[in-house]
Structures are given as C-alpha cells and as structure tokens.
Amino acid sequence: MCELYVKADPILYESRSRSLRICGVVTTLRLENQFWDILTEIAEADGMTTNQLVAKLYEEVMNYRGEVINFASFLRVSCTRHLSQRRLQAPELSVVPRNTGHA
C-alpha cells in the first residue's frame, strides 16, 4: 500500500509560492504543486483563473466565517473536499483494480 505514496513524483509535493491580489492586497501563498494543480482544475471548470478562484474563495469564506486563521490550510482542505465530491459523483473513477495474482 505505501508504495502508492512513496513512489509519488517529488515535484507533486514540492512547494511553490504564488503572488496574487486578494481584496486589493497583494499577498503570497505557498502550497504544494499538487494543490495548485487541483485549484487550477477547479478554476478551469468554473471558467476562472486560479488566482480568481483563490480570491473568490477567500472572499466567500470571510463572508461566511468572518475570519480565516490559516488560508493555505483552508485551500488544501478545499482541494481534498473537491476530490471527495468528485469521487462521489463518479465512483467508477475512484475504483482501483486489485491485483489478485490470477493470470
């Protein structure tokens, strides 16, 4: 089982910083590449850029919660929730065939 994780391409868990404007303020966010990729996927599905999506998520969570203690963590959780939701909508995409040892 661990082989699935340990063989992940190191570029996926390498961190990358991006500068973007949120509510008129330029800020820098640092996330692992895989999370940036997922955010890009979500943004493209919604017809936005990744920066537009991140700014929109920030505005919406601020309107709903009034504060965001750790926005980078919020984005990571948002990505995992997106993947979970996608799996529920298309369960056949998440089924990984098991090697039974039979030819």
N, C-alpha and C. Protein backbone atom coordinates (compact mmCIF):
# COMPACT_ATOMS: atom_id res chain seq x y z
N MET A 1 0.81 -1.19 0.00
CA MET A 1 0.00 0.00 0.00
C MET A 1 0.86 1.26 0.00
N CYS A 2 1.89 1.30 0.81
CA CYS A 2 2.72 2.50 0.92
C CYS A 2 3.43 2.83 -0.39
N GLU A 3 3.61 1.83 -1.22
CA GLU A 3 4.29 2.04 -2.49
C GLU A 3 3.58 3.11 -3.32
N LEU A 4 2.26 3.14 -3.27
CA LEU A 4 1.48 4.15 -3.99
C LEU A 4 1.91 5.55 -3.58
N TYR A 5 2.20 5.73 -2.32
CA TYR A 5 2.56 7.06 -1.79
C TYR A 5 4.04 7.37 -1.97
N VAL A 6 4.89 6.42 -1.65
CA VAL A 6 6.32 6.70 -1.68
C VAL A 6 6.87 6.86 -3.10
N LYS A 7 6.15 6.34 -4.07
CA LYS A 7 6.59 6.47 -5.47
C LYS A 7 6.03 7.73 -6.13
N ALA A 8 5.37 8.58 -5.36
CA ALA A 8 4.85 9.83 -5.92
C ALA A 8 6.01 10.69 -6.43
N ASP A 9 5.79 11.32 -7.55
CA ASP A 9 6.79 12.21 -8.12
C ASP A 9 7.07 13.35 -7.13
N PRO A 10 8.32 13.55 -6.73
CA PRO A 10 8.64 14.60 -5.76
C PRO A 10 8.18 16.00 -6.18
N ILE A 11 8.01 16.23 -7.47
CA ILE A 11 7.55 17.54 -7.91
C ILE A 11 6.14 17.82 -7.37
N LEU A 12 5.36 16.77 -7.12
CA LEU A 12 4.00 16.96 -6.61
C LEU A 12 3.98 17.55 -5.21
N TYR A 13 4.93 17.17 -4.39
CA TYR A 13 4.92 17.69 -3.02
C TYR A 13 5.93 18.81 -2.79
N GLU A 14 6.57 19.23 -3.87
CA GLU A 14 7.42 20.42 -3.79
C GLU A 14 6.52 21.65 -3.64
N SER A 15 6.90 22.56 -2.77
CA SER A 15 6.11 23.77 -2.54
C SER A 15 6.45 24.84 -3.56
N ARG A 16 5.43 25.63 -3.88
CA ARG A 16 5.62 26.75 -4.80
C ARG A 16 4.83 27.93 -4.26
N SER A 17 5.43 29.10 -4.31
CA SER A 17 4.76 30.32 -3.87
C SER A 17 4.19 31.05 -5.07
N ARG A 18 3.04 31.67 -4.85
CA ARG A 18 2.41 32.49 -5.87
C ARG A 18 2.00 33.80 -5.24
N SER A 19 2.26 34.88 -5.97
CA SER A 19 1.77 36.19 -5.54
C SER A 19 0.45 36.44 -6.23
N LEU A 20 -0.52 36.89 -5.46
CA LEU A 20 -1.81 37.22 -6.03
C LEU A 20 -2.47 38.33 -5.23
N ARG A 21 -3.48 38.91 -5.82
CA ARG A 21 -4.20 40.02 -5.18
C ARG A 21 -5.50 39.49 -4.61
N ILE A 22 -5.68 39.69 -3.31
CA ILE A 22 -6.91 39.30 -2.64
C ILE A 22 -7.47 40.54 -1.95
N CYS A 23 -8.67 40.90 -2.33
CA CYS A 23 -9.33 42.09 -1.77
C CYS A 23 -8.45 43.33 -1.91
N GLY A 24 -7.78 43.43 -3.04
CA GLY A 24 -6.95 44.60 -3.31
C GLY A 24 -5.57 44.58 -2.68
N VAL A 25 -5.25 43.53 -1.96
CA VAL A 25 -3.95 43.43 -1.29
C VAL A 25 -3.13 42.32 -1.95
N VAL A 26 -1.89 42.62 -2.32
CA VAL A 26 -1.02 41.60 -2.89
C VAL A 26 -0.48 40.75 -1.75
N THR A 27 -0.61 39.45 -1.90
CA THR A 27 -0.15 38.52 -0.88
C THR A 27 0.52 37.33 -1.56
N THR A 28 1.23 36.55 -0.80
CA THR A 28 1.89 35.37 -1.32
C THR A 28 1.35 34.15 -0.61
N LEU A 29 1.03 33.14 -1.40
CA LEU A 29 0.58 31.86 -0.86
C LEU A 29 1.56 30.78 -1.26
N ARG A 30 1.85 29.88 -0.32
CA ARG A 30 2.76 28.77 -0.59
C ARG A 30 1.99 27.47 -0.40
N LEU A 31 1.88 26.70 -1.49
CA LEU A 31 1.23 25.40 -1.46
C LEU A 31 2.06 24.41 -2.24
N GLU A 32 1.83 23.14 -2.00
CA GLU A 32 2.47 22.10 -2.77
C GLU A 32 1.91 22.12 -4.20
N ASN A 33 2.73 21.72 -5.16
CA ASN A 33 2.33 21.76 -6.57
C ASN A 33 1.03 21.01 -6.84
N GLN A 34 0.84 19.88 -6.18
CA GLN A 34 -0.38 19.12 -6.44
C GLN A 34 -1.63 19.92 -6.06
N PHE A 35 -1.56 20.70 -4.99
CA PHE A 35 -2.71 21.52 -4.62
C PHE A 35 -2.93 22.65 -5.62
N TRP A 36 -1.85 23.24 -6.13
CA TRP A 36 -2.00 24.26 -7.18
C TRP A 36 -2.67 23.63 -8.40
N ASP A 37 -2.29 22.40 -8.74
CA ASP A 37 -2.88 21.71 -9.89
C ASP A 37 -4.38 21.50 -9.70
N ILE A 38 -4.77 21.08 -8.51
CA ILE A 38 -6.19 20.85 -8.22
C ILE A 38 -6.96 22.17 -8.26
N LEU A 39 -6.39 23.22 -7.69
CA LEU A 39 -7.05 24.53 -7.74
C LEU A 39 -7.22 24.99 -9.19
N THR A 40 -6.22 24.74 -10.03
CA THR A 40 -6.32 25.10 -11.44
C THR A 40 -7.45 24.32 -12.11
N GLU A 41 -7.57 23.05 -11.78
CA GLU A 41 -8.64 22.22 -12.33
C GLU A 41 -10.02 22.78 -11.94
N ILE A 42 -10.17 23.14 -10.66
CA ILE A 42 -11.44 23.70 -10.19
C ILE A 42 -11.72 25.02 -10.89
N ALA A 43 -10.71 25.86 -10.98
CA ALA A 43 -10.87 27.18 -11.61
C ALA A 43 -11.29 27.04 -13.06
N GLU A 44 -10.63 26.17 -13.80
CA GLU A 44 -10.95 25.99 -15.22
C GLU A 44 -12.38 25.49 -15.39
N ALA A 45 -12.83 24.60 -14.51
CA ALA A 45 -14.20 24.09 -14.59
C ALA A 45 -15.22 25.21 -14.35
N ASP A 46 -14.80 26.23 -13.58
CA ASP A 46 -15.69 27.36 -13.28
C ASP A 46 -15.43 28.56 -14.18
N GLY A 47 -14.57 28.39 -15.18
CA GLY A 47 -14.29 29.47 -16.12
C GLY A 47 -13.51 30.64 -15.53
N MET A 48 -12.61 30.32 -14.59
CA MET A 48 -11.81 31.35 -13.93
C MET A 48 -10.34 30.99 -14.02
N THR A 49 -9.51 31.97 -13.68
CA THR A 49 -8.09 31.68 -13.47
C THR A 49 -7.94 31.16 -12.05
N THR A 50 -6.79 30.56 -11.79
CA THR A 50 -6.53 30.07 -10.43
C THR A 50 -6.53 31.23 -9.43
N ASN A 51 -5.92 32.34 -9.80
CA ASN A 51 -5.89 33.50 -8.90
C ASN A 51 -7.29 34.02 -8.62
N GLN A 52 -8.15 34.05 -9.65
CA GLN A 52 -9.53 34.50 -9.44
C GLN A 52 -10.27 33.56 -8.49
N LEU A 53 -10.06 32.26 -8.66
CA LEU A 53 -10.70 31.28 -7.78
C LEU A 53 -10.25 31.47 -6.34
N VAL A 54 -8.95 31.60 -6.13
CA VAL A 54 -8.42 31.76 -4.77
C VAL A 54 -8.98 33.03 -4.13
N ALA A 55 -9.03 34.12 -4.88
CA ALA A 55 -9.58 35.37 -4.35
C ALA A 55 -11.06 35.20 -4.01
N LYS A 56 -11.80 34.51 -4.87
CA LYS A 56 -13.23 34.28 -4.62
C LYS A 56 -13.44 33.41 -3.39
N LEU A 57 -12.65 32.35 -3.25
CA LEU A 57 -12.75 31.50 -2.06
C LEU A 57 -12.47 32.31 -0.79
N TYR A 58 -11.46 33.16 -0.85
CA TYR A 58 -11.13 33.98 0.31
C TYR A 58 -12.31 34.88 0.67
N GLU A 59 -12.86 35.57 -0.32
CA GLU A 59 -13.98 36.47 -0.06
C GLU A 59 -15.17 35.71 0.51
N GLU A 60 -15.46 34.55 -0.06
CA GLU A 60 -16.61 33.77 0.40
C GLU A 60 -16.42 33.23 1.82
N VAL A 61 -15.24 32.73 2.13
CA VAL A 61 -15.02 32.21 3.48
C VAL A 61 -15.03 33.35 4.50
N MET A 62 -14.52 34.51 4.11
CA MET A 62 -14.57 35.67 5.01
C MET A 62 -16.02 36.11 5.25
N ASN A 63 -16.82 36.11 4.19
CA ASN A 63 -18.24 36.48 4.35
C ASN A 63 -18.97 35.48 5.22
N TYR A 64 -18.62 34.22 5.10
CA TYR A 64 -19.30 33.16 5.85
C TYR A 64 -18.80 33.03 7.28
N ARG A 65 -17.49 33.06 7.46
CA ARG A 65 -16.87 32.83 8.78
C ARG A 65 -16.43 34.11 9.50
N GLY A 66 -16.10 35.13 8.72
CA GLY A 66 -15.62 36.37 9.34
C GLY A 66 -14.12 36.41 9.54
N GLU A 67 -13.47 35.26 9.44
CA GLU A 67 -12.01 35.20 9.57
C GLU A 67 -11.51 33.90 8.95
N VAL A 68 -10.24 33.89 8.62
CA VAL A 68 -9.59 32.68 8.13
C VAL A 68 -8.27 32.60 8.86
N ILE A 69 -8.16 31.63 9.75
CA ILE A 69 -6.95 31.53 10.57
C ILE A 69 -5.75 31.07 9.75
N ASN A 70 -5.96 30.07 8.88
CA ASN A 70 -4.87 29.56 8.06
C ASN A 70 -5.41 29.31 6.66
N PHE A 71 -5.30 30.31 5.80
CA PHE A 71 -5.90 30.24 4.48
C PHE A 71 -5.28 29.15 3.61
N ALA A 72 -3.98 28.93 3.72
CA ALA A 72 -3.34 27.86 2.94
C ALA A 72 -3.92 26.50 3.31
N SER A 73 -4.13 26.27 4.60
CA SER A 73 -4.76 25.02 5.03
C SER A 73 -6.19 24.93 4.54
N PHE A 74 -6.91 26.05 4.56
CA PHE A 74 -8.27 26.08 4.04
C PHE A 74 -8.27 25.64 2.57
N LEU A 75 -7.31 26.13 1.80
CA LEU A 75 -7.24 25.76 0.38
C LEU A 75 -6.93 24.28 0.21
N ARG A 76 -6.05 23.74 1.04
CA ARG A 76 -5.74 22.30 0.96
C ARG A 76 -6.98 21.47 1.25
N VAL A 77 -7.70 21.85 2.29
CA VAL A 77 -8.93 21.14 2.65
C VAL A 77 -9.96 21.29 1.54
N SER A 78 -10.05 22.46 0.95
CA SER A 78 -10.97 22.66 -0.18
C SER A 78 -10.64 21.71 -1.32
N CYS A 79 -9.36 21.53 -1.58
CA CYS A 79 -8.94 20.60 -2.65
C CYS A 79 -9.34 19.17 -2.31
N THR A 80 -9.12 18.74 -1.09
CA THR A 80 -9.48 17.37 -0.73
C THR A 80 -10.99 17.18 -0.74
N ARG A 81 -11.73 18.22 -0.36
CA ARG A 81 -13.20 18.14 -0.43
C ARG A 81 -13.65 18.05 -1.89
N HIS A 82 -12.99 18.77 -2.77
CA HIS A 82 -13.31 18.70 -4.20
C HIS A 82 -13.08 17.28 -4.71
N LEU A 83 -11.95 16.68 -4.35
CA LEU A 83 -11.66 15.33 -4.79
C LEU A 83 -12.68 14.33 -4.24
N SER A 84 -13.07 14.50 -2.98
CA SER A 84 -14.08 13.62 -2.38
C SER A 84 -15.41 13.77 -3.09
N GLN A 85 -15.79 14.99 -3.38
CA GLN A 85 -17.06 15.25 -4.07
C GLN A 85 -17.03 14.64 -5.47
N ARG A 86 -15.93 14.80 -6.15
CA ARG A 86 -15.79 14.24 -7.49
C ARG A 86 -15.89 12.72 -7.45
N ARG A 87 -15.31 12.12 -6.43
CA ARG A 87 -15.37 10.66 -6.28
C ARG A 87 -16.80 10.20 -6.03
N LEU A 88 -17.56 10.98 -5.26
CA LEU A 88 -18.96 10.62 -5.00
C LEU A 88 -19.81 10.75 -6.26
N GLN A 89 -19.48 11.73 -7.10
CA GLN A 89 -20.25 11.95 -8.32
C GLN A 89 -19.91 10.95 -9.41
N ALA A 90 -18.71 10.42 -9.39
CA ALA A 90 -18.28 9.46 -10.41
C ALA A 90 -17.49 8.34 -9.73
N PRO A 91 -18.16 7.49 -8.97
CA PRO A 91 -17.43 6.47 -8.20
C PRO A 91 -16.60 5.53 -9.05
N GLU A 92 -16.98 5.33 -10.32
CA GLU A 92 -16.19 4.41 -11.16
C GLU A 92 -14.79 4.95 -11.42
N LEU A 93 -14.59 6.27 -11.27
CA LEU A 93 -13.26 6.84 -11.48
C LEU A 93 -12.32 6.58 -10.30
N SER A 94 -12.89 6.25 -9.14
CA SER A 94 -12.04 6.07 -7.97
C SER A 94 -11.76 4.60 -7.67
N VAL A 95 -12.30 3.70 -8.47
CA VAL A 95 -12.06 2.28 -8.24
C VAL A 95 -10.71 1.90 -8.83
N VAL A 96 -9.86 1.35 -7.99
CA VAL A 96 -8.54 0.89 -8.43
C VAL A 96 -8.57 -0.63 -8.42
N PRO A 97 -8.36 -1.26 -9.57
CA PRO A 97 -8.38 -2.73 -9.60
C PRO A 97 -7.29 -3.32 -8.72
N ARG A 98 -7.63 -4.35 -8.02
CA ARG A 98 -6.67 -5.03 -7.17
C ARG A 98 -6.01 -6.16 -7.95
N ASN A 99 -4.74 -6.36 -7.67
CA ASN A 99 -4.01 -7.46 -8.29
C ASN A 99 -4.31 -8.71 -7.47
N THR A 100 -5.07 -9.63 -8.05
CA THR A 100 -5.46 -10.84 -7.33
C THR A 100 -4.44 -11.94 -7.48
N GLY A 101 -3.47 -11.75 -8.36
CA GLY A 101 -2.46 -12.77 -8.56
C GLY A 101 -2.86 -13.79 -9.59
N HIS A 102 -4.07 -13.69 -10.14
CA HIS A 102 -4.53 -14.63 -11.17
C HIS A 102 -4.18 -14.08 -12.55
N ALA A 103 -3.82 -14.97 -13.45
CA ALA A 103 -3.47 -14.57 -14.81
C ALA A 103 -4.70 -14.40 -15.67
